């Protein structure tokens, strides 16, 4: 593989991992998924901030289903 291809794949993997709390929040249809996204972008680069947002996304209350 070309060095550039490996770099792009590695960068994509890092971005997916960085945005994992946001992906979880949208997949679980959380009420505050936009807030999770904003906090993830702003505080996600710190390990403590990323863990906080990850737990918020994983343990947060999803929107109630409409009948």
PDB file of N, CA and C in Angstrom:
ATOM      1  N   UNK A   1       0.826  -1.183   0.000  1.00  0.00           N
ATOM      2  CA  UNK A   1       0.000   0.000   0.000  1.00  0.00           C
ATOM      3  C   UNK A   1       0.865   1.240   0.000  1.00  0.00           C
ATOM      4  N   UNK A   2       0.316   2.263  -0.558  1.00  0.00           N
ATOM      5  CA  UNK A   2       0.996   3.547  -0.619  1.00  0.00           C
ATOM      6  C   UNK A   2       0.962   4.207   0.763  1.00  0.00           C
ATOM      7  N   UNK A   3       1.973   4.993   1.087  1.00  0.00           N
ATOM      8  CA  UNK A   3       2.018   5.690   2.374  1.00  0.00           C
ATOM      9  C   UNK A   3       0.823   6.611   2.547  1.00  0.00           C
ATOM     10  N   UNK A   4       0.407   7.273   1.474  1.00  0.00           N
ATOM     11  CA  UNK A   4      -0.726   8.192   1.554  1.00  0.00           C
ATOM     12  C   UNK A   4      -2.021   7.444   1.847  1.00  0.00           C
ATOM     13  N   UNK A   5      -2.177   6.258   1.284  1.00  0.00           N
ATOM     14  CA  UNK A   5      -3.376   5.469   1.521  1.00  0.00           C
ATOM     15  C   UNK A   5      -3.450   5.045   2.985  1.00  0.00           C
ATOM     16  N   UNK A   6      -2.344   4.619   3.539  1.00  0.00           N
ATOM     17  CA  UNK A   6      -2.298   4.222   4.945  1.00  0.00           C
ATOM     18  C   UNK A   6      -2.613   5.416   5.834  1.00  0.00           C
ATOM     19  N   UNK A   7      -2.068   6.574   5.497  1.00  0.00           N
ATOM     20  CA  UNK A   7      -2.329   7.785   6.269  1.00  0.00           C
ATOM     21  C   UNK A   7      -3.815   8.145   6.248  1.00  0.00           C
ATOM     22  N   UNK A   8      -4.443   8.083   5.095  1.00  0.00           N
ATOM     23  CA  UNK A   8      -5.865   8.415   4.970  1.00  0.00           C
ATOM     24  C   UNK A   8      -6.714   7.419   5.755  1.00  0.00           C
ATOM     25  N   UNK A   9      -6.401   6.133   5.686  1.00  0.00           N
ATOM     26  CA  UNK A   9      -7.151   5.131   6.427  1.00  0.00           C
ATOM     27  C   UNK A   9      -6.991   5.322   7.932  1.00  0.00           C
ATOM     28  N   UNK A  10      -5.789   5.625   8.374  1.00  0.00           N
ATOM     29  CA  UNK A  10      -5.535   5.880   9.782  1.00  0.00           C
ATOM     30  C   UNK A  10      -6.275   7.132  10.251  1.00  0.00           C
ATOM     31  N   UNK A  11      -6.265   8.174   9.449  1.00  0.00           N
ATOM     32  CA  UNK A  11      -6.973   9.408   9.779  1.00  0.00           C
ATOM     33  C   UNK A  11      -8.476   9.161   9.870  1.00  0.00           C
ATOM     34  N   UNK A  12      -9.030   8.388   8.957  1.00  0.00           N
ATOM     35  CA  UNK A  12     -10.459   8.060   8.990  1.00  0.00           C
ATOM     36  C   UNK A  12     -10.801   7.261  10.255  1.00  0.00           C
ATOM     37  N   UNK A  13      -9.956   6.317  10.632  1.00  0.00           N
ATOM     38  CA  UNK A  13     -10.192   5.526  11.842  1.00  0.00           C
ATOM     39  C   UNK A  13     -10.162   6.408  13.086  1.00  0.00           C
ATOM     40  N   UNK A  14      -9.233   7.336  13.147  1.00  0.00           N
ATOM     41  CA  UNK A  14      -9.133   8.240  14.293  1.00  0.00           C
ATOM     42  C   UNK A  14     -10.359   9.149  14.364  1.00  0.00           C
ATOM     43  N   UNK A  15     -10.811   9.658  13.233  1.00  0.00           N
ATOM     44  CA  UNK A  15     -11.995  10.517  13.222  1.00  0.00           C
ATOM     45  C   UNK A  15     -13.251   9.763  13.645  1.00  0.00           C
ATOM     46  N   UNK A  16     -13.385   8.527  13.219  1.00  0.00           N
ATOM     47  CA  UNK A  16     -14.537   7.720  13.626  1.00  0.00           C
ATOM     48  C   UNK A  16     -14.494   7.470  15.132  1.00  0.00           C
ATOM     49  N   UNK A  17     -13.328   7.154  15.659  1.00  0.00           N
ATOM     50  CA  UNK A  17     -13.189   6.942  17.098  1.00  0.00           C
ATOM     51  C   UNK A  17     -13.471   8.227  17.867  1.00  0.00           C
ATOM     52  N   UNK A  18     -12.989   9.352  17.370  1.00  0.00           N
ATOM     53  CA  UNK A  18     -13.200  10.647  18.015  1.00  0.00           C
ATOM     54  C   UNK A  18     -14.686  10.996  18.063  1.00  0.00           C
ATOM     55  N   UNK A  19     -15.413  10.709  16.992  1.00  0.00           N
ATOM     56  CA  UNK A  19     -16.829  11.053  16.906  1.00  0.00           C
ATOM     57  C   UNK A  19     -17.737   9.916  17.358  1.00  0.00           C
ATOM     58  N   UNK A  20     -17.199   8.875  17.952  1.00  0.00           N
ATOM     59  CA  UNK A  20     -17.992   7.738  18.401  1.00  0.00           C
ATOM     60  C   UNK A  20     -19.132   8.127  19.347  1.00  0.00           C
ATOM     61  N   UNK A  21     -18.930   9.009  20.325  1.00  0.00           N
ATOM     62  CA  UNK A  21     -20.067   9.400  21.165  1.00  0.00           C
ATOM     63  C   UNK A  21     -21.211  10.031  20.370  1.00  0.00           C
ATOM     64  N   UNK A  22     -20.891  10.833  19.382  1.00  0.00           N
ATOM     65  CA  UNK A  22     -21.926  11.433  18.542  1.00  0.00           C
ATOM     66  C   UNK A  22     -22.652  10.367  17.741  1.00  0.00           C
ATOM     67  N   UNK A  23     -21.916   9.428  17.188  1.00  0.00           N
ATOM     68  CA  UNK A  23     -22.548   8.347  16.431  1.00  0.00           C
ATOM     69  C   UNK A  23     -23.463   7.518  17.320  1.00  0.00           C
ATOM     70  N   UNK A  24     -23.047   7.267  18.554  1.00  0.00           N
ATOM     71  CA  UNK A  24     -23.870   6.518  19.498  1.00  0.00           C
ATOM     72  C   UNK A  24     -25.131   7.312  19.853  1.00  0.00           C
ATOM     73  N   UNK A  25     -24.970   8.613  20.080  1.00  0.00           N
ATOM     74  CA  UNK A  25     -26.119   9.447  20.439  1.00  0.00           C
ATOM     75  C   UNK A  25     -27.167   9.453  19.332  1.00  0.00           C
ATOM     76  N   UNK A  26     -26.743   9.551  18.092  1.00  0.00           N
ATOM     77  CA  UNK A  26     -27.697   9.543  16.984  1.00  0.00           C
ATOM     78  C   UNK A  26     -28.288   8.158  16.766  1.00  0.00           C
ATOM     79  N   UNK A  27     -27.504   7.114  16.979  1.00  0.00           N
ATOM     80  CA  UNK A  27     -28.018   5.757  16.810  1.00  0.00           C
ATOM     81  C   UNK A  27     -29.050   5.424  17.884  1.00  0.00           C
ATOM     82  N   UNK A  28     -28.852   5.937  19.099  1.00  0.00           N
ATOM     83  CA  UNK A  28     -29.790   5.683  20.195  1.00  0.00           C
ATOM     84  C   UNK A  28     -30.928   6.689  20.218  1.00  0.00           C
ATOM     85  N   UNK A  29     -30.895   7.692  19.337  1.00  0.00           N
ATOM     86  CA  UNK A  29     -31.930   8.718  19.225  1.00  0.00           C
ATOM     87  C   UNK A  29     -32.128   9.447  20.557  1.00  0.00           C
ATOM     88  N   UNK A  30     -31.005   9.947  21.106  1.00  0.00           N
ATOM     89  CA  UNK A  30     -31.066  10.670  22.372  1.00  0.00           C
ATOM     90  C   UNK A  30     -31.777  12.001  22.208  1.00  0.00           C
ATOM     91  N   UNK A  31     -32.388  12.441  23.296  1.00  0.00           N
ATOM     92  CA  UNK A  31     -33.068  13.738  23.280  1.00  0.00           C
ATOM     93  C   UNK A  31     -32.074  14.868  23.033  1.00  0.00           C
ATOM     94  N   UNK A  32     -30.937  14.811  23.661  1.00  0.00           N
ATOM     95  CA  UNK A  32     -29.947  15.899  23.604  1.00  0.00           C
ATOM     96  C   UNK A  32     -28.776  15.553  22.683  1.00  0.00           C
ATOM     97  N   UNK A  33     -29.051  14.926  21.565  1.00  0.00           N
ATOM     98  CA  UNK A  33     -27.965  14.481  20.690  1.00  0.00           C
ATOM     99  C   UNK A  33     -27.182  15.642  20.089  1.00  0.00           C
ATOM    100  N   UNK A  34     -27.819  16.776  19.893  1.00  0.00           N
ATOM    101  CA  UNK A  34     -27.084  17.944  19.387  1.00  0.00           C
ATOM    102  C   UNK A  34     -26.106  18.462  20.433  1.00  0.00           C
ATOM    103  N   UNK A  35     -26.514  18.455  21.690  1.00  0.00           N
ATOM    104  CA  UNK A  35     -25.617  18.875  22.767  1.00  0.00           C
ATOM    105  C   UNK A  35     -24.447  17.905  22.886  1.00  0.00           C
ATOM    106  N   UNK A  36     -24.727  16.616  22.753  1.00  0.00           N
ATOM    107  CA  UNK A  36     -23.653  15.617  22.773  1.00  0.00           C
ATOM    108  C   UNK A  36     -22.658  15.912  21.654  1.00  0.00           C
ATOM    109  N   UNK A  37     -23.164  16.233  20.476  1.00  0.00           N
ATOM    110  CA  UNK A  37     -22.294  16.532  19.337  1.00  0.00           C
ATOM    111  C   UNK A  37     -21.426  17.754  19.608  1.00  0.00           C
ATOM    112  N   UNK A  38     -22.026  18.810  20.136  1.00  0.00           N
ATOM    113  CA  UNK A  38     -21.273  20.039  20.408  1.00  0.00           C
ATOM    114  C   UNK A  38     -20.202  19.791  21.465  1.00  0.00           C
ATOM    115  N   UNK A  39     -20.573  19.120  22.556  1.00  0.00           N
ATOM    116  CA  UNK A  39     -19.588  18.823  23.604  1.00  0.00           C
ATOM    117  C   UNK A  39     -18.498  17.888  23.079  1.00  0.00           C
ATOM    118  N   UNK A  40     -18.870  16.955  22.213  1.00  0.00           N
ATOM    119  CA  UNK A  40     -17.874  16.048  21.648  1.00  0.00           C
ATOM    120  C   UNK A  40     -16.852  16.818  20.811  1.00  0.00           C
ATOM    121  N   UNK A  41     -17.327  17.750  20.011  1.00  0.00           N
ATOM    122  CA  UNK A  41     -16.420  18.527  19.168  1.00  0.00           C
ATOM    123  C   UNK A  41     -15.528  19.429  20.015  1.00  0.00           C
ATOM    124  N   UNK A  42     -16.113  20.074  21.035  1.00  0.00           N
ATOM    125  CA  UNK A  42     -15.358  21.040  21.842  1.00  0.00           C
ATOM    126  C   UNK A  42     -14.445  20.357  22.863  1.00  0.00           C
ATOM    127  N   UNK A  43     -14.960  19.338  23.581  1.00  0.00           N
ATOM    128  CA  UNK A  43     -14.198  18.736  24.673  1.00  0.00           C
ATOM    129  C   UNK A  43     -13.639  17.355  24.355  1.00  0.00           C
ATOM    130  N   UNK A  44     -13.953  16.823  23.180  1.00  0.00           N
ATOM    131  CA  UNK A  44     -13.552  15.463  22.855  1.00  0.00           C
ATOM    132  C   UNK A  44     -12.057  15.254  22.775  1.00  0.00           C
ATOM    133  N   UNK A  45     -11.302  16.302  22.535  1.00  0.00           N
ATOM    134  CA  UNK A  45      -9.854  16.149  22.412  1.00  0.00           C
ATOM    135  C   UNK A  45      -9.202  15.866  23.762  1.00  0.00           C
ATOM    136  N   UNK A  46      -9.899  16.204  24.859  1.00  0.00           N
ATOM    137  CA  UNK A  46      -9.380  15.845  26.180  1.00  0.00           C
ATOM    138  C   UNK A  46      -9.914  14.460  26.519  1.00  0.00           C
ATOM    139  N   UNK A  47      -9.137  13.660  27.122  1.00  0.00           N
ATOM    140  CA  UNK A  47      -9.565  12.295  27.444  1.00  0.00           C
ATOM    141  C   UNK A  47     -10.749  12.305  28.407  1.00  0.00           C
ATOM    142  N   UNK A  48     -10.705  13.174  29.415  1.00  0.00           N
ATOM    143  CA  UNK A  48     -11.799  13.254  30.381  1.00  0.00           C
ATOM    144  C   UNK A  48     -13.076  13.730  29.695  1.00  0.00           C
ATOM    145  N   UNK A  49     -12.964  14.715  28.823  1.00  0.00           N
ATOM    146  CA  UNK A  49     -14.134  15.211  28.094  1.00  0.00           C
ATOM    147  C   UNK A  49     -14.720  14.148  27.187  1.00  0.00           C
ATOM    148  N   UNK A  50     -13.867  13.388  26.509  1.00  0.00           N
ATOM    149  CA  UNK A  50     -14.347  12.336  25.611  1.00  0.00           C
ATOM    150  C   UNK A  50     -15.050  11.234  26.407  1.00  0.00           C
ATOM    151  N   UNK A  51     -14.489  10.848  27.552  1.00  0.00           N
ATOM    152  CA  UNK A  51     -15.115   9.822  28.388  1.00  0.00           C
ATOM    153  C   UNK A  51     -16.470  10.312  28.899  1.00  0.00           C
ATOM    154  N   UNK A  52     -16.542  11.572  29.336  1.00  0.00           N
ATOM    155  CA  UNK A  52     -17.797  12.149  29.806  1.00  0.00           C
ATOM    156  C   UNK A  52     -18.855  12.110  28.702  1.00  0.00           C
ATOM    157  N   UNK A  53     -18.515  12.543  27.510  1.00  0.00           N
ATOM    158  CA  UNK A  53     -19.475  12.569  26.417  1.00  0.00           C
ATOM    159  C   UNK A  53     -19.840  11.149  25.985  1.00  0.00           C
ATOM    160  N   UNK A  54     -18.879  10.237  26.012  1.00  0.00           N
ATOM    161  CA  UNK A  54     -19.162   8.845  25.669  1.00  0.00           C
ATOM    162  C   UNK A  54     -20.170   8.235  26.646  1.00  0.00           C
ATOM    163  N   UNK A  55     -19.964   8.466  27.942  1.00  0.00           N
ATOM    164  CA  UNK A  55     -20.892   7.935  28.936  1.00  0.00           C
ATOM    165  C   UNK A  55     -22.267   8.589  28.804  1.00  0.00           C
ATOM    166  N   UNK A  56     -22.296   9.870  28.515  1.00  0.00           N
ATOM    167  CA  UNK A  56     -23.556  10.575  28.306  1.00  0.00           C
ATOM    168  C   UNK A  56     -24.315   9.955  27.135  1.00  0.00           C
ATOM    169  N   UNK A  57     -23.617   9.685  26.062  1.00  0.00           N
ATOM    170  CA  UNK A  57     -24.260   9.096  24.886  1.00  0.00           C
ATOM    171  C   UNK A  57     -24.695   7.656  25.147  1.00  0.00           C
ATOM    172  N   UNK A  58     -23.887   6.911  25.882  1.00  0.00           N
ATOM    173  CA  UNK A  58     -24.189   5.497  26.112  1.00  0.00           C
ATOM    174  C   UNK A  58     -25.279   5.294  27.160  1.00  0.00           C
ATOM    175  N   UNK A  59     -25.350   6.175  28.145  1.00  0.00           N
ATOM    176  CA  UNK A  59     -26.285   5.991  29.256  1.00  0.00           C
ATOM    177  C   UNK A  59     -27.457   6.953  29.230  1.00  0.00           C
ATOM    178  N   UNK A  60     -27.461   7.903  28.301  1.00  0.00           N
ATOM    179  CA  UNK A  60     -28.522   8.908  28.244  1.00  0.00           C
ATOM    180  C   UNK A  60     -29.875   8.305  27.901  1.00  0.00           C
ATOM    181  N   UNK A  61     -30.911   9.070  28.220  1.00  0.00           N
ATOM    182  CA  UNK A  61     -32.278   8.617  27.973  1.00  0.00           C
ATOM    183  C   UNK A  61     -32.682   8.905  26.543  1.00  0.00           C
ATOM    184  N   UNK A  62     -33.072   7.869  25.793  1.00  0.00           N
ATOM    185  CA  UNK A  62     -33.515   8.105  24.415  1.00  0.00           C
ATOM    186  C   UNK A  62     -34.895   8.754  24.379  1.00  0.00           C
ATOM    187  N   UNK A  63     -35.240   9.305  23.236  1.00  0.00           N
ATOM    188  CA  UNK A  63     -36.562   9.902  23.068  1.00  0.00           C
ATOM    189  C   UNK A  63     -37.631   8.820  23.162  1.00  0.00           C
ATOM    190  N   UNK A  64     -38.769   9.168  23.779  1.00  0.00           N
ATOM    191  CA  UNK A  64     -39.842   8.174  23.824  1.00  0.00           C
ATOM    192  C   UNK A  64     -40.407   7.921  22.430  1.00  0.00           C
ATOM    193  N   UNK A  65     -40.806   6.681  22.192  1.00  0.00           N
ATOM    194  CA  UNK A  65     -41.364   6.342  20.899  1.00  0.00           C
ATOM    195  C   UNK A  65     -42.809   6.825  20.823  1.00  0.00           C
ATOM    196  N   UNK A  66     -43.138   7.401  19.665  1.00  0.00           N
ATOM    197  CA  UNK A  66     -44.510   7.867  19.461  1.00  0.00           C
ATOM    198  C   UNK A  66     -45.353   6.727  18.939  1.00  0.00           C
ATOM    199  N   UNK A  67     -46.560   6.621  19.470  1.00  0.00           N
ATOM    200  CA  UNK A  67     -47.447   5.524  19.051  1.00  0.00           C
ATOM    201  C   UNK A  67     -48.249   5.894  17.829  1.00  0.00           C
TER     202      UNK A  67
END
